[in-house]
N, C-alpha and C. Protein backbone atom coordinates (compact mmCIF):
# COMPACT_ATOMS: atom_id res chain seq x y z
N MET A 1 143.47 70.77 22.61
CA MET A 1 143.94 72.04 22.17
C MET A 1 145.33 72.28 22.71
N ILE A 2 146.21 72.86 21.77
CA ILE A 2 147.60 73.02 22.16
C ILE A 2 147.67 74.40 22.81
N LEU A 3 148.14 74.69 24.16
CA LEU A 3 148.17 75.83 24.71
C LEU A 3 149.84 76.28 24.61
N SER A 4 150.17 76.48 23.40
CA SER A 4 151.57 76.75 23.27
C SER A 4 151.90 77.69 22.07
N LEU A 5 153.09 78.18 22.00
CA LEU A 5 153.60 78.86 20.81
C LEU A 5 154.70 77.96 20.29
N VAL A 6 154.83 77.57 19.15
CA VAL A 6 155.82 76.76 18.60
C VAL A 6 157.01 77.65 18.39
N GLY A 7 158.13 77.08 18.91
CA GLY A 7 159.40 77.97 18.55
C GLY A 7 160.16 77.45 17.31
N CYS A 8 161.26 76.70 17.48
CA CYS A 8 161.99 76.19 16.39
C CYS A 8 161.91 74.67 16.22
N THR A 9 161.97 74.23 15.10
CA THR A 9 161.77 72.86 14.82
C THR A 9 163.32 72.12 14.67
N GLY A 10 163.38 70.97 15.33
CA GLY A 10 164.51 70.29 15.42
C GLY A 10 164.61 69.32 14.25
N VAL A 11 165.47 68.32 14.33
CA VAL A 11 165.69 67.35 13.33
C VAL A 11 164.66 66.18 13.39
N THR A 12 164.27 65.82 12.25
CA THR A 12 163.23 64.69 12.36
C THR A 12 163.90 63.26 12.76
N ASN A 13 163.45 62.53 13.54
CA ASN A 13 164.02 61.51 13.98
C ASN A 13 163.56 60.10 13.28
N PRO A 14 164.22 58.93 13.37
CA PRO A 14 163.94 57.94 12.51
C PRO A 14 162.55 57.32 12.68
N LEU A 15 161.82 57.76 13.78
CA LEU A 15 160.19 57.37 13.88
C LEU A 15 159.47 58.25 12.92
N ASN A 16 160.19 59.36 12.32
CA ASN A 16 159.21 60.26 11.46
C ASN A 16 158.38 61.13 12.30
N THR A 17 158.75 61.46 13.52
CA THR A 17 158.24 62.42 14.19
C THR A 17 159.11 63.71 14.53
N THR A 18 158.58 64.75 14.63
CA THR A 18 159.54 66.02 14.65
C THR A 18 159.66 66.46 16.04
N SER A 19 160.82 66.78 16.65
CA SER A 19 161.02 67.28 17.94
C SER A 19 161.07 68.76 17.83
N THR A 20 160.24 69.38 18.68
CA THR A 20 160.15 70.77 18.50
C THR A 20 160.19 71.50 19.90
N ILE A 21 160.91 72.59 19.71
CA ILE A 21 160.94 73.37 21.09
C ILE A 21 159.79 74.20 21.24
N ILE A 22 159.02 74.07 22.21
CA ILE A 22 157.77 74.73 22.51
C ILE A 22 158.01 76.03 23.52
N ASP A 23 157.41 77.13 23.13
CA ASP A 23 157.50 78.18 24.03
C ASP A 23 155.92 78.22 24.69
N TRP A 24 155.88 77.47 25.89
CA TRP A 24 154.62 77.19 26.51
C TRP A 24 153.94 78.56 27.15
N VAL A 25 152.58 78.73 26.82
CA VAL A 25 151.96 79.68 27.59
C VAL A 25 151.87 79.21 29.03
N ASP A 26 151.80 80.02 29.98
CA ASP A 26 151.59 79.75 31.47
C ASP A 26 150.24 79.22 31.64
N PHE A 27 150.01 77.93 31.42
CA PHE A 27 148.62 77.39 31.69
C PHE A 27 148.51 76.38 32.55
N VAL A 28 147.28 75.97 32.96
CA VAL A 28 146.99 74.74 33.67
C VAL A 28 145.55 74.28 33.22
N LYS A 29 145.38 73.03 33.13
CA LYS A 29 144.03 72.48 32.61
C LYS A 29 143.43 71.80 33.81
N LEU A 30 142.15 71.99 34.10
CA LEU A 30 141.25 71.43 35.10
C LEU A 30 139.88 71.48 34.89
N ASN A 31 139.36 70.03 35.00
CA ASN A 31 137.91 69.83 34.88
C ASN A 31 137.72 70.29 33.53
N ASN A 32 138.28 69.89 32.30
CA ASN A 32 138.17 70.23 31.13
C ASN A 32 138.10 71.66 30.68
N LYS A 33 138.72 72.41 31.52
CA LYS A 33 138.82 74.00 31.38
C LYS A 33 140.36 74.23 31.29
N SER A 34 140.55 75.22 30.41
CA SER A 34 141.86 75.75 30.32
C SER A 34 141.91 77.08 30.98
N TYR A 35 143.07 77.18 31.90
CA TYR A 35 143.34 78.38 32.62
C TYR A 35 144.68 78.95 32.18
N THR A 36 144.80 80.42 32.30
CA THR A 36 145.94 80.92 31.79
C THR A 36 146.47 81.86 32.99
N GLY A 37 147.74 82.00 33.40
CA GLY A 37 148.31 82.64 34.52
C GLY A 37 147.92 84.32 34.24
N VAL A 38 147.37 84.90 35.37
CA VAL A 38 147.04 86.22 35.28
C VAL A 38 148.25 87.07 35.55
N HIS A 39 148.49 88.06 34.86
CA HIS A 39 149.43 89.11 34.81
C HIS A 39 149.05 90.56 35.37
N GLU A 40 147.61 90.71 35.30
CA GLU A 40 147.22 91.93 35.61
C GLU A 40 146.43 91.96 37.04
N ALA A 41 146.72 91.05 37.80
CA ALA A 41 146.18 90.93 39.01
C ALA A 41 147.02 90.08 40.07
N VAL A 42 147.00 90.30 41.21
CA VAL A 42 147.54 89.35 42.29
C VAL A 42 146.34 89.19 43.44
N ILE A 43 146.61 88.14 44.22
CA ILE A 43 145.77 87.88 45.35
C ILE A 43 146.04 89.09 46.36
N ALA A 44 145.00 89.66 46.77
CA ALA A 44 144.93 90.90 47.65
C ALA A 44 145.31 90.40 49.16
N ASP A 45 144.94 89.24 49.51
CA ASP A 45 145.54 88.93 50.73
C ASP A 45 145.64 87.19 50.85
N PRO A 46 146.52 86.51 51.28
CA PRO A 46 146.68 85.17 51.28
C PRO A 46 145.50 84.60 51.94
N ALA A 47 144.58 85.28 52.72
CA ALA A 47 143.46 84.65 53.47
C ALA A 47 142.33 84.50 52.28
N PHE A 48 142.54 85.05 51.33
CA PHE A 48 141.43 84.96 50.23
C PHE A 48 141.54 83.67 49.47
N VAL A 49 142.63 82.88 49.53
CA VAL A 49 142.84 81.67 48.90
C VAL A 49 142.36 80.77 49.84
N LEU A 50 141.49 80.04 49.44
CA LEU A 50 140.76 78.94 50.39
C LEU A 50 141.33 77.57 50.21
N THR A 51 142.38 77.39 51.07
CA THR A 51 143.24 76.29 50.95
C THR A 51 142.59 75.17 51.61
N GLN A 52 141.36 75.22 52.18
CA GLN A 52 140.57 74.10 52.60
C GLN A 52 139.65 73.61 51.42
N GLN A 53 139.72 74.43 50.31
CA GLN A 53 138.88 74.03 49.13
C GLN A 53 139.83 73.83 47.86
N ARG A 54 140.37 72.74 47.98
CA ARG A 54 141.29 72.26 46.87
C ARG A 54 140.50 71.88 45.66
N VAL A 55 140.79 72.39 44.42
CA VAL A 55 139.94 72.18 43.36
C VAL A 55 140.67 71.28 42.36
N GLY A 56 141.95 70.94 42.66
CA GLY A 56 142.74 70.11 41.75
C GLY A 56 144.15 70.15 42.27
N THR A 57 144.82 69.18 41.36
CA THR A 57 146.35 69.11 41.72
C THR A 57 147.09 69.12 40.30
N VAL A 58 148.27 69.54 40.12
CA VAL A 58 148.94 69.34 39.02
C VAL A 58 149.54 67.92 38.92
N LYS A 59 149.21 67.17 37.68
CA LYS A 59 149.67 65.93 37.63
C LYS A 59 150.82 65.75 36.60
N PHE A 60 150.95 66.80 35.76
CA PHE A 60 152.19 66.62 34.85
C PHE A 60 152.59 68.10 34.37
N LYS A 61 153.81 68.38 34.26
CA LYS A 61 154.54 69.57 33.93
C LYS A 61 154.88 69.30 32.42
N VAL A 62 154.48 69.97 31.45
CA VAL A 62 154.90 69.77 30.17
C VAL A 62 156.18 70.56 29.72
N ASP A 63 156.52 71.66 30.43
CA ASP A 63 157.70 72.34 30.02
C ASP A 63 159.03 71.50 29.96
N ASP A 64 159.81 71.56 28.94
CA ASP A 64 161.04 70.81 29.00
C ASP A 64 160.80 69.20 28.85
N VAL A 65 159.56 68.85 28.67
CA VAL A 65 159.24 67.45 28.63
C VAL A 65 158.58 67.08 27.21
N VAL A 66 157.52 67.82 26.93
CA VAL A 66 156.76 67.73 25.78
C VAL A 66 157.46 68.34 24.58
N THR A 67 157.70 67.63 23.55
CA THR A 67 158.42 68.29 22.28
C THR A 67 157.59 68.10 21.09
N ASN A 68 156.47 67.46 21.26
CA ASN A 68 155.59 67.23 20.18
C ASN A 68 154.66 68.25 20.01
N SER A 69 154.51 69.05 19.05
CA SER A 69 153.63 70.18 18.77
C SER A 69 152.38 69.83 18.62
N ASN A 70 152.02 68.52 18.39
CA ASN A 70 150.66 67.95 18.26
C ASN A 70 149.96 67.50 19.50
N TYR A 71 150.73 67.71 20.71
CA TYR A 71 150.37 67.18 21.88
C TYR A 71 149.08 67.84 22.39
N GLN A 72 148.08 66.93 22.89
CA GLN A 72 146.72 67.57 23.36
C GLN A 72 146.67 67.62 24.75
N THR A 73 146.74 68.68 25.42
CA THR A 73 146.77 68.98 26.90
C THR A 73 145.54 68.34 27.52
N LYS A 74 145.78 67.85 28.73
CA LYS A 74 144.66 67.02 29.44
C LYS A 74 144.63 67.45 30.90
N ASP A 75 143.52 67.04 31.59
CA ASP A 75 143.30 67.57 32.95
C ASP A 75 144.53 67.29 33.80
N GLY A 76 144.94 68.17 34.66
CA GLY A 76 146.10 67.90 35.56
C GLY A 76 147.44 68.38 34.75
N ASP A 77 147.50 68.92 33.47
CA ASP A 77 148.61 69.37 32.84
C ASP A 77 148.93 70.79 33.32
N ALA A 78 150.10 71.26 33.43
CA ALA A 78 150.47 72.52 33.48
C ALA A 78 151.74 72.87 32.98
N ALA A 79 151.94 74.29 32.49
CA ALA A 79 153.22 74.50 31.66
C ALA A 79 154.45 74.53 32.63
N PHE A 80 154.24 75.33 33.74
CA PHE A 80 155.41 75.47 34.54
C PHE A 80 155.20 75.09 36.03
N LEU A 81 154.03 74.84 36.57
CA LEU A 81 153.87 74.41 37.94
C LEU A 81 154.40 73.04 38.14
N GLU A 82 155.06 72.82 39.13
CA GLU A 82 155.57 71.45 39.48
C GLU A 82 154.35 70.39 39.81
N ILE A 83 154.70 69.11 39.36
CA ILE A 83 153.82 68.06 39.70
C ILE A 83 153.45 68.01 41.14
N GLY A 84 152.35 67.89 41.70
CA GLY A 84 151.84 67.81 42.93
C GLY A 84 151.43 69.19 43.54
N THR A 85 151.43 70.21 42.69
CA THR A 85 151.12 71.57 43.19
C THR A 85 149.54 71.70 43.35
N PRO A 86 149.09 72.01 44.50
CA PRO A 86 147.75 72.14 44.70
C PRO A 86 147.10 73.24 44.06
N LEU A 87 145.73 73.24 43.52
CA LEU A 87 145.07 74.33 43.12
C LEU A 87 143.97 74.70 43.84
N TYR A 88 143.82 75.92 44.29
CA TYR A 88 142.72 76.29 45.33
C TYR A 88 141.75 77.24 44.78
N GLU A 89 140.63 77.20 45.39
CA GLU A 89 139.55 78.24 45.20
C GLU A 89 139.86 79.60 45.76
N VAL A 90 139.41 80.46 44.92
CA VAL A 90 139.61 81.87 45.58
C VAL A 90 138.36 82.36 46.00
N GLN A 91 138.33 83.14 47.13
CA GLN A 91 137.24 83.71 47.63
C GLN A 91 136.44 84.67 46.83
N GLY A 92 135.00 84.40 46.53
CA GLY A 92 134.41 85.07 45.60
C GLY A 92 134.23 84.55 44.15
N PHE A 93 134.78 83.30 44.05
CA PHE A 93 134.88 82.79 42.63
C PHE A 93 134.46 81.27 42.95
N PRO A 94 133.20 81.01 43.45
CA PRO A 94 132.71 79.63 43.61
C PRO A 94 132.57 79.04 42.32
N ASP A 95 132.49 79.74 41.19
CA ASP A 95 132.55 78.95 39.81
C ASP A 95 133.91 78.56 39.51
N HIS A 96 134.88 78.81 40.03
CA HIS A 96 136.28 78.58 39.92
C HIS A 96 136.91 79.20 38.63
N SER A 97 136.09 80.46 38.35
CA SER A 97 136.76 81.29 37.05
C SER A 97 138.04 81.75 37.36
N MET A 98 138.37 81.94 38.53
CA MET A 98 139.74 82.24 39.09
C MET A 98 140.09 81.31 40.17
N ILE A 99 141.42 80.67 40.01
CA ILE A 99 141.94 79.81 40.98
C ILE A 99 143.35 80.23 41.30
N ALA A 100 143.91 79.72 42.40
CA ALA A 100 145.35 80.04 42.87
C ALA A 100 146.10 78.86 42.98
N ALA A 101 147.44 79.00 42.81
CA ALA A 101 148.44 78.07 43.10
C ALA A 101 149.55 78.57 43.87
N LYS A 102 150.05 78.03 44.81
CA LYS A 102 151.17 78.37 45.81
C LYS A 102 152.49 78.85 44.81
N ASP A 103 152.91 80.00 45.09
CA ASP A 103 154.11 80.44 44.28
C ASP A 103 154.86 81.42 44.93
N GLU A 104 156.16 81.08 45.49
CA GLU A 104 156.82 82.08 46.33
C GLU A 104 157.38 83.13 45.58
N GLN A 105 157.37 83.10 44.26
CA GLN A 105 157.91 84.32 43.41
C GLN A 105 156.68 85.27 43.21
N SER A 106 155.70 85.06 43.61
CA SER A 106 154.48 85.95 43.32
C SER A 106 154.19 86.65 44.62
N LEU A 107 153.57 87.84 44.56
CA LEU A 107 153.09 88.62 45.61
C LEU A 107 152.16 87.85 46.48
N HIS A 108 152.46 87.99 47.81
CA HIS A 108 151.76 87.33 48.81
C HIS A 108 151.69 85.81 48.62
N GLY A 109 152.49 85.21 47.89
CA GLY A 109 152.80 83.81 47.80
C GLY A 109 151.80 82.76 46.93
N TYR A 110 151.06 83.53 46.20
CA TYR A 110 150.24 82.76 45.20
C TYR A 110 150.17 83.39 43.90
N LYS A 111 149.96 82.44 42.88
CA LYS A 111 149.93 83.08 41.48
C LYS A 111 148.48 82.74 41.28
N LEU A 112 147.79 83.60 40.31
CA LEU A 112 146.32 83.42 39.91
C LEU A 112 146.32 82.90 38.65
N PHE A 113 145.20 82.03 38.32
CA PHE A 113 144.91 81.60 37.03
C PHE A 113 143.42 81.82 36.65
N LYS A 114 143.08 82.23 35.40
CA LYS A 114 141.65 82.69 35.21
C LYS A 114 141.23 81.68 33.90
N ASP A 115 139.89 81.23 34.07
CA ASP A 115 139.22 80.51 33.07
C ASP A 115 139.36 81.29 31.72
N ASP A 116 139.90 80.60 30.70
CA ASP A 116 139.89 81.23 29.43
C ASP A 116 138.72 81.57 28.86
N SER A 117 137.60 80.73 29.24
CA SER A 117 136.32 80.90 28.53
C SER A 117 135.35 82.12 29.43
N VAL A 118 136.05 82.63 30.49
CA VAL A 118 135.36 83.66 31.26
C VAL A 118 136.28 85.04 31.17
N LYS A 119 135.45 86.11 30.80
CA LYS A 119 136.03 87.45 30.73
C LYS A 119 136.14 88.08 31.87
N LEU A 120 137.40 88.43 32.44
CA LEU A 120 137.53 88.99 33.74
C LEU A 120 138.11 90.41 33.49
N ASN A 121 137.59 91.47 33.74
CA ASN A 121 137.97 92.79 33.34
C ASN A 121 139.01 93.25 34.28
N LEU A 122 140.38 93.03 33.76
CA LEU A 122 141.46 93.36 34.77
C LEU A 122 142.35 94.49 34.23
N ASN A 123 141.93 95.02 33.23
CA ASN A 123 142.88 96.22 32.53
C ASN A 123 142.81 97.63 33.37
N TYR A 124 143.66 98.35 33.02
CA TYR A 124 143.68 99.55 33.87
C TYR A 124 142.38 100.46 33.83
N LYS A 125 141.69 100.58 32.64
CA LYS A 125 140.49 101.33 32.44
C LYS A 125 139.35 100.41 33.30
N ASP A 126 139.56 99.24 33.82
CA ASP A 126 138.54 98.52 34.44
C ASP A 126 138.68 98.73 36.01
N ILE A 127 139.77 99.41 36.37
CA ILE A 127 139.97 99.50 37.76
C ILE A 127 138.99 100.47 38.46
N PRO A 128 138.03 100.18 39.42
CA PRO A 128 137.21 101.11 39.99
C PRO A 128 137.95 102.17 40.82
N LYS A 129 138.33 103.10 40.18
CA LYS A 129 139.27 104.08 40.84
C LYS A 129 138.61 104.65 42.23
N GLN A 130 137.44 104.94 42.25
CA GLN A 130 136.88 105.56 43.41
C GLN A 130 136.80 104.57 44.69
N GLN A 131 137.00 103.24 44.35
CA GLN A 131 137.03 102.30 45.38
C GLN A 131 138.49 101.97 45.91
N VAL A 132 139.52 102.45 45.15
CA VAL A 132 140.95 102.09 45.49
C VAL A 132 141.29 102.68 46.86
N THR A 133 141.68 101.80 47.84
CA THR A 133 142.02 102.38 49.18
C THR A 133 143.55 102.36 49.48
N ARG A 134 144.33 101.63 48.68
CA ARG A 134 145.66 101.60 48.92
C ARG A 134 146.48 101.18 47.62
N ILE A 135 147.45 101.76 47.39
CA ILE A 135 148.33 101.43 46.29
C ILE A 135 149.87 101.05 46.76
N GLU A 136 150.36 99.98 46.38
CA GLU A 136 151.60 99.46 46.78
C GLU A 136 152.55 99.75 45.49
N ILE A 137 153.83 99.97 45.57
CA ILE A 137 154.76 100.20 44.53
C ILE A 137 156.00 99.39 44.76
N TYR A 138 156.13 98.44 43.91
CA TYR A 138 157.45 97.49 44.09
C TYR A 138 158.34 97.89 42.95
N LYS A 139 159.57 98.01 43.44
CA LYS A 139 160.74 98.39 42.46
C LYS A 139 161.37 97.20 42.03
N ASN A 140 161.51 97.00 40.96
CA ASN A 140 162.24 95.94 40.24
C ASN A 140 161.93 94.53 41.06
N SER A 141 160.64 94.23 41.26
CA SER A 141 160.16 93.13 42.02
C SER A 141 160.61 91.71 41.47
N PHE A 142 160.98 91.68 40.19
CA PHE A 142 161.38 90.41 39.39
C PHE A 142 162.67 89.95 39.89
N LYS A 143 163.52 91.17 40.41
CA LYS A 143 164.82 90.78 40.99
C LYS A 143 164.78 90.33 42.43
N ASN A 144 163.65 91.02 43.11
CA ASN A 144 163.61 90.76 44.53
C ASN A 144 162.00 90.79 44.92
N PRO A 145 161.32 89.60 44.67
CA PRO A 145 159.90 89.72 44.91
C PRO A 145 159.61 89.91 46.39
N ASN A 146 160.63 89.91 47.25
CA ASN A 146 160.08 90.03 48.65
C ASN A 146 160.54 91.44 49.15
N SER A 147 160.80 92.45 48.33
CA SER A 147 161.08 93.69 48.57
C SER A 147 159.90 94.53 49.19
N GLU A 148 160.29 95.45 50.08
CA GLU A 148 159.39 96.26 50.75
C GLU A 148 158.70 97.33 49.82
N PRO A 149 157.56 97.51 49.71
CA PRO A 149 156.87 98.30 48.82
C PRO A 149 156.83 99.81 49.23
N LYS A 150 156.53 100.85 48.41
CA LYS A 150 156.23 102.06 48.78
C LYS A 150 154.68 102.12 48.94
N ILE A 151 154.18 102.61 49.86
CA ILE A 151 152.63 102.59 50.22
C ILE A 151 152.14 103.74 49.96
N ILE A 152 151.01 103.94 49.26
CA ILE A 152 150.33 105.23 48.92
C ILE A 152 148.97 105.06 49.53
N GLU A 153 148.53 105.96 50.36
CA GLU A 153 147.39 105.61 51.03
C GLU A 153 146.58 107.16 51.16
N GLY A 154 145.30 107.20 51.71
CA GLY A 154 144.81 108.34 52.07
C GLY A 154 144.47 109.18 50.88
N LYS A 155 144.66 110.62 51.01
CA LYS A 155 144.53 111.51 49.77
C LYS A 155 145.52 111.43 48.71
N GLN A 156 146.70 110.70 49.02
CA GLN A 156 147.59 110.43 47.98
C GLN A 156 147.25 109.51 46.95
N VAL A 157 146.20 108.66 47.32
CA VAL A 157 145.54 107.74 46.18
C VAL A 157 145.33 108.62 45.22
N LYS A 158 144.29 109.51 45.56
CA LYS A 158 143.63 110.20 44.28
C LYS A 158 144.63 111.05 43.67
N SER A 159 145.73 111.68 44.26
CA SER A 159 146.73 112.33 43.57
C SER A 159 147.48 111.40 42.62
N PHE A 160 147.90 110.18 43.06
CA PHE A 160 148.64 109.30 42.25
C PHE A 160 147.86 108.88 41.03
N ILE A 161 146.47 108.48 41.26
CA ILE A 161 145.46 108.16 39.97
C ILE A 161 145.46 109.28 39.11
N ALA A 162 145.52 110.56 39.60
CA ALA A 162 145.29 111.54 38.70
C ALA A 162 146.46 111.77 37.76
N LEU A 163 147.63 111.43 38.25
CA LEU A 163 148.77 111.62 37.45
C LEU A 163 148.88 110.54 36.35
N LEU A 164 148.36 109.39 36.87
CA LEU A 164 148.29 108.40 35.83
C LEU A 164 147.28 108.54 34.65
N ASP A 165 146.23 109.41 35.05
CA ASP A 165 145.09 109.48 34.10
C ASP A 165 145.48 110.87 33.10
N GLU A 166 146.37 111.47 33.65
CA GLU A 166 146.84 112.91 32.85
C GLU A 166 148.05 112.52 32.01
N GLY A 167 148.38 111.29 32.01
CA GLY A 167 149.38 110.94 31.01
C GLY A 167 149.04 111.14 29.63
N LYS A 168 150.15 111.30 28.69
CA LYS A 168 150.02 111.82 27.44
C LYS A 168 150.06 110.33 26.45
N ILE A 169 149.09 109.86 25.83
CA ILE A 169 149.23 108.58 25.15
C ILE A 169 150.17 108.92 23.74
N THR A 170 151.27 108.22 23.84
CA THR A 170 152.28 108.34 22.75
C THR A 170 152.48 107.04 21.94
N GLN A 171 152.05 106.89 20.68
CA GLN A 171 152.27 105.69 20.03
C GLN A 171 153.65 105.60 19.57
N ASN A 172 154.12 104.36 19.41
CA ASN A 172 155.51 104.16 18.98
C ASN A 172 156.68 104.83 19.75
N TYR A 173 156.41 104.94 21.08
CA TYR A 173 157.40 105.42 21.91
C TYR A 173 158.56 104.48 22.02
N GLN A 174 159.86 104.96 21.69
CA GLN A 174 160.97 104.15 22.24
C GLN A 174 161.65 104.56 23.31
N PRO A 175 161.62 103.73 24.40
CA PRO A 175 162.51 104.16 25.60
C PRO A 175 163.87 104.47 25.27
N ASP A 176 164.47 105.40 26.00
CA ASP A 176 165.91 105.71 26.24
C ASP A 176 166.63 104.66 26.84
N MET A 177 167.51 103.85 25.97
CA MET A 177 168.33 102.79 26.52
C MET A 177 169.78 103.12 26.70
N SER A 178 170.04 104.35 26.39
CA SER A 178 171.48 104.58 26.52
C SER A 178 172.19 104.46 27.71
N LYS A 179 171.37 104.45 28.80
CA LYS A 179 171.93 104.11 30.18
C LYS A 179 171.53 102.76 30.68
N GLY A 180 171.07 101.98 29.96
CA GLY A 180 170.59 100.59 30.30
C GLY A 180 169.27 100.40 30.26
N ASP A 181 168.80 99.19 30.91
CA ASP A 181 167.40 98.98 30.90
C ASP A 181 166.51 99.90 31.86
N PRO A 182 165.38 100.29 31.46
CA PRO A 182 164.47 101.05 32.29
C PRO A 182 164.29 100.49 33.80
N THR A 183 164.16 101.23 34.59
CA THR A 183 163.70 100.74 36.09
C THR A 183 162.16 100.27 36.03
N PHE A 184 161.88 99.15 36.48
CA PHE A 184 160.52 98.55 36.54
C PHE A 184 160.05 98.64 37.79
N TYR A 185 158.60 99.03 37.82
CA TYR A 185 157.83 99.03 39.04
C TYR A 185 156.43 98.37 38.89
N ASP A 186 156.12 97.56 39.83
CA ASP A 186 154.78 97.07 39.79
C ASP A 186 153.78 97.94 40.73
N MET A 187 152.68 98.31 40.06
CA MET A 187 151.73 99.14 40.94
C MET A 187 150.63 98.21 41.19
N ILE A 188 150.25 98.10 42.45
CA ILE A 188 149.19 97.16 42.96
C ILE A 188 148.06 98.13 43.52
N PHE A 189 146.88 98.06 42.85
CA PHE A 189 145.76 98.81 43.32
C PHE A 189 144.78 97.80 44.08
N TYR A 190 144.54 98.17 45.41
CA TYR A 190 143.72 97.39 46.32
C TYR A 190 142.32 98.06 46.32
N THR A 191 141.28 97.37 46.23
CA THR A 191 139.93 97.69 46.45
C THR A 191 139.22 96.70 47.47
N ASP A 192 137.97 96.46 47.52
CA ASP A 192 137.38 95.43 48.32
C ASP A 192 137.31 94.10 47.66
N LYS A 193 137.88 93.91 46.50
CA LYS A 193 137.93 92.64 45.86
C LYS A 193 138.90 91.68 46.45
N PRO A 194 138.80 90.40 46.15
CA PRO A 194 139.80 89.52 46.78
C PRO A 194 141.15 89.53 46.03
N TYR A 195 141.04 90.05 44.94
CA TYR A 195 142.31 90.23 44.11
C TYR A 195 142.71 91.86 43.91
N ALA A 196 143.92 92.22 43.68
CA ALA A 196 144.28 93.56 43.51
C ALA A 196 144.80 93.68 41.95
N TYR A 197 144.39 94.88 41.36
CA TYR A 197 144.87 95.12 40.08
C TYR A 197 146.37 95.40 40.08
N LYS A 198 147.03 94.91 39.07
CA LYS A 198 148.47 95.06 38.84
C LYS A 198 148.82 95.80 37.51
N GLN A 199 149.51 96.78 37.47
CA GLN A 199 149.97 97.48 36.34
C GLN A 199 151.36 97.70 36.50
N ASN A 200 152.09 97.82 35.35
CA ASN A 200 153.68 98.07 35.37
C ASN A 200 153.89 99.53 34.98
N LEU A 201 154.87 99.96 35.70
CA LEU A 201 155.30 101.47 35.36
C LEU A 201 156.83 101.36 35.15
N GLN A 202 157.24 102.12 34.24
CA GLN A 202 158.69 102.14 33.81
C GLN A 202 159.39 103.47 33.90
N ASP A 203 160.60 103.60 34.04
CA ASP A 203 161.43 104.87 34.04
C ASP A 203 162.71 104.57 33.27
N ASP A 204 162.67 105.23 32.16
CA ASP A 204 164.08 105.14 31.24
C ASP A 204 165.04 106.25 31.49
N GLY A 205 164.83 107.10 32.50
CA GLY A 205 165.63 108.12 32.94
C GLY A 205 165.11 109.51 32.36
N MET A 206 164.62 109.34 31.21
CA MET A 206 163.85 110.67 30.63
C MET A 206 162.46 110.67 30.95
N ASN A 207 161.67 109.48 30.89
CA ASN A 207 160.27 109.50 31.02
C ASN A 207 159.80 108.34 31.98
N PHE A 208 158.79 108.72 32.88
CA PHE A 208 158.05 107.56 33.46
C PHE A 208 156.80 107.27 32.40
N TYR A 209 156.49 105.88 32.16
CA TYR A 209 155.62 105.56 31.48
C TYR A 209 154.83 104.31 31.68
N PHE A 210 153.58 104.07 31.26
CA PHE A 210 152.97 102.78 31.49
C PHE A 210 152.15 102.54 30.27
N TYR A 211 151.30 101.44 30.36
CA TYR A 211 150.62 101.05 29.21
C TYR A 211 149.08 100.74 29.58
N PRO A 212 148.34 101.78 29.68
CA PRO A 212 146.75 101.69 29.90
C PRO A 212 146.18 100.97 28.73
N TRP A 213 146.73 101.15 27.60
CA TRP A 213 146.45 100.49 26.23
C TRP A 213 147.56 100.65 25.28
N ASN A 214 147.77 102.08 24.72
CA ASN A 214 148.98 102.48 24.15
C ASN A 214 149.76 103.01 25.31
N VAL A 215 151.14 103.32 24.90
CA VAL A 215 152.08 103.93 26.04
C VAL A 215 151.59 105.35 26.42
N SER A 216 151.62 105.47 27.74
CA SER A 216 151.23 106.71 28.30
C SER A 216 152.43 107.40 28.94
N ILE A 217 152.83 108.63 28.63
CA ILE A 217 154.02 109.35 29.07
C ILE A 217 153.50 110.19 30.41
N LEU A 218 154.21 109.97 31.43
CA LEU A 218 153.76 110.53 32.67
C LEU A 218 154.64 111.71 33.11
N SER A 219 153.94 112.66 33.94
CA SER A 219 154.82 113.79 34.46
C SER A 219 155.92 112.96 35.51
N ARG A 220 157.05 113.76 35.50
CA ARG A 220 158.07 113.32 36.30
C ARG A 220 157.69 113.39 37.84
N ASP A 221 156.62 114.16 38.13
CA ASP A 221 156.20 114.34 39.44
C ASP A 221 155.92 113.02 40.02
N ILE A 222 155.47 111.96 39.20
CA ILE A 222 155.17 110.76 39.80
C ILE A 222 156.24 110.07 40.54
N GLY A 223 157.45 110.33 40.10
CA GLY A 223 158.78 109.89 40.67
C GLY A 223 158.91 110.34 42.22
N LYS A 224 158.36 111.40 42.63
CA LYS A 224 158.30 111.97 43.82
C LYS A 224 157.57 111.33 44.73
N MET A 225 156.55 110.60 44.10
CA MET A 225 155.54 109.95 44.93
C MET A 225 155.92 108.36 45.22
N ILE A 226 156.86 107.80 44.38
CA ILE A 226 157.27 106.51 44.51
C ILE A 226 158.63 106.18 45.08
N GLU A 227 159.40 107.18 45.04
CA GLU A 227 160.62 106.97 45.65
C GLU A 227 160.68 107.24 47.05
């Protein structure tokens, strides 16, 4: 199975094969299972990555190498992880439905991957809000992944979640881009799980908004809590 989206097709070569630019999904294949990089969660603590329990190693990086859209991925293949990258078990997932790889650009130093055949409920509606003990807010973390977060704890946790839940769902919302790109925030919700839930928050100067399913416009009061 090809875990990619085909981009544009190049010139047919003399061997009658077509060279194709492939926009790869962030995947890794292990033990005949396909895993996809998780964007809705991060490891809650590096200690939850069981580095003594290596479950596999990346053997081949397909990005910028494979140009045949008929390529069949095999065990050890990964889209973007470097050859030799170890893959580890995550505490609480002995079935390896979630695994981790070292990644300095990810929060707490690890990137999570989930088994495509297993449903893991990681959306905003799936967060057990009564169990949230801490929320961390990272501003423009894609520019500075090691930035210090704004920490929300205690009674403020409930107040912050209430502001999110009180947002107004607005379909077809178009952000105000007149002053440039919106400011991006990562909201990390910690519970007793080995992973923390991750949601994106944006501010276009007019509105704070996020995507629990459709766009939800939030009160400007939320800005007072995160700055």
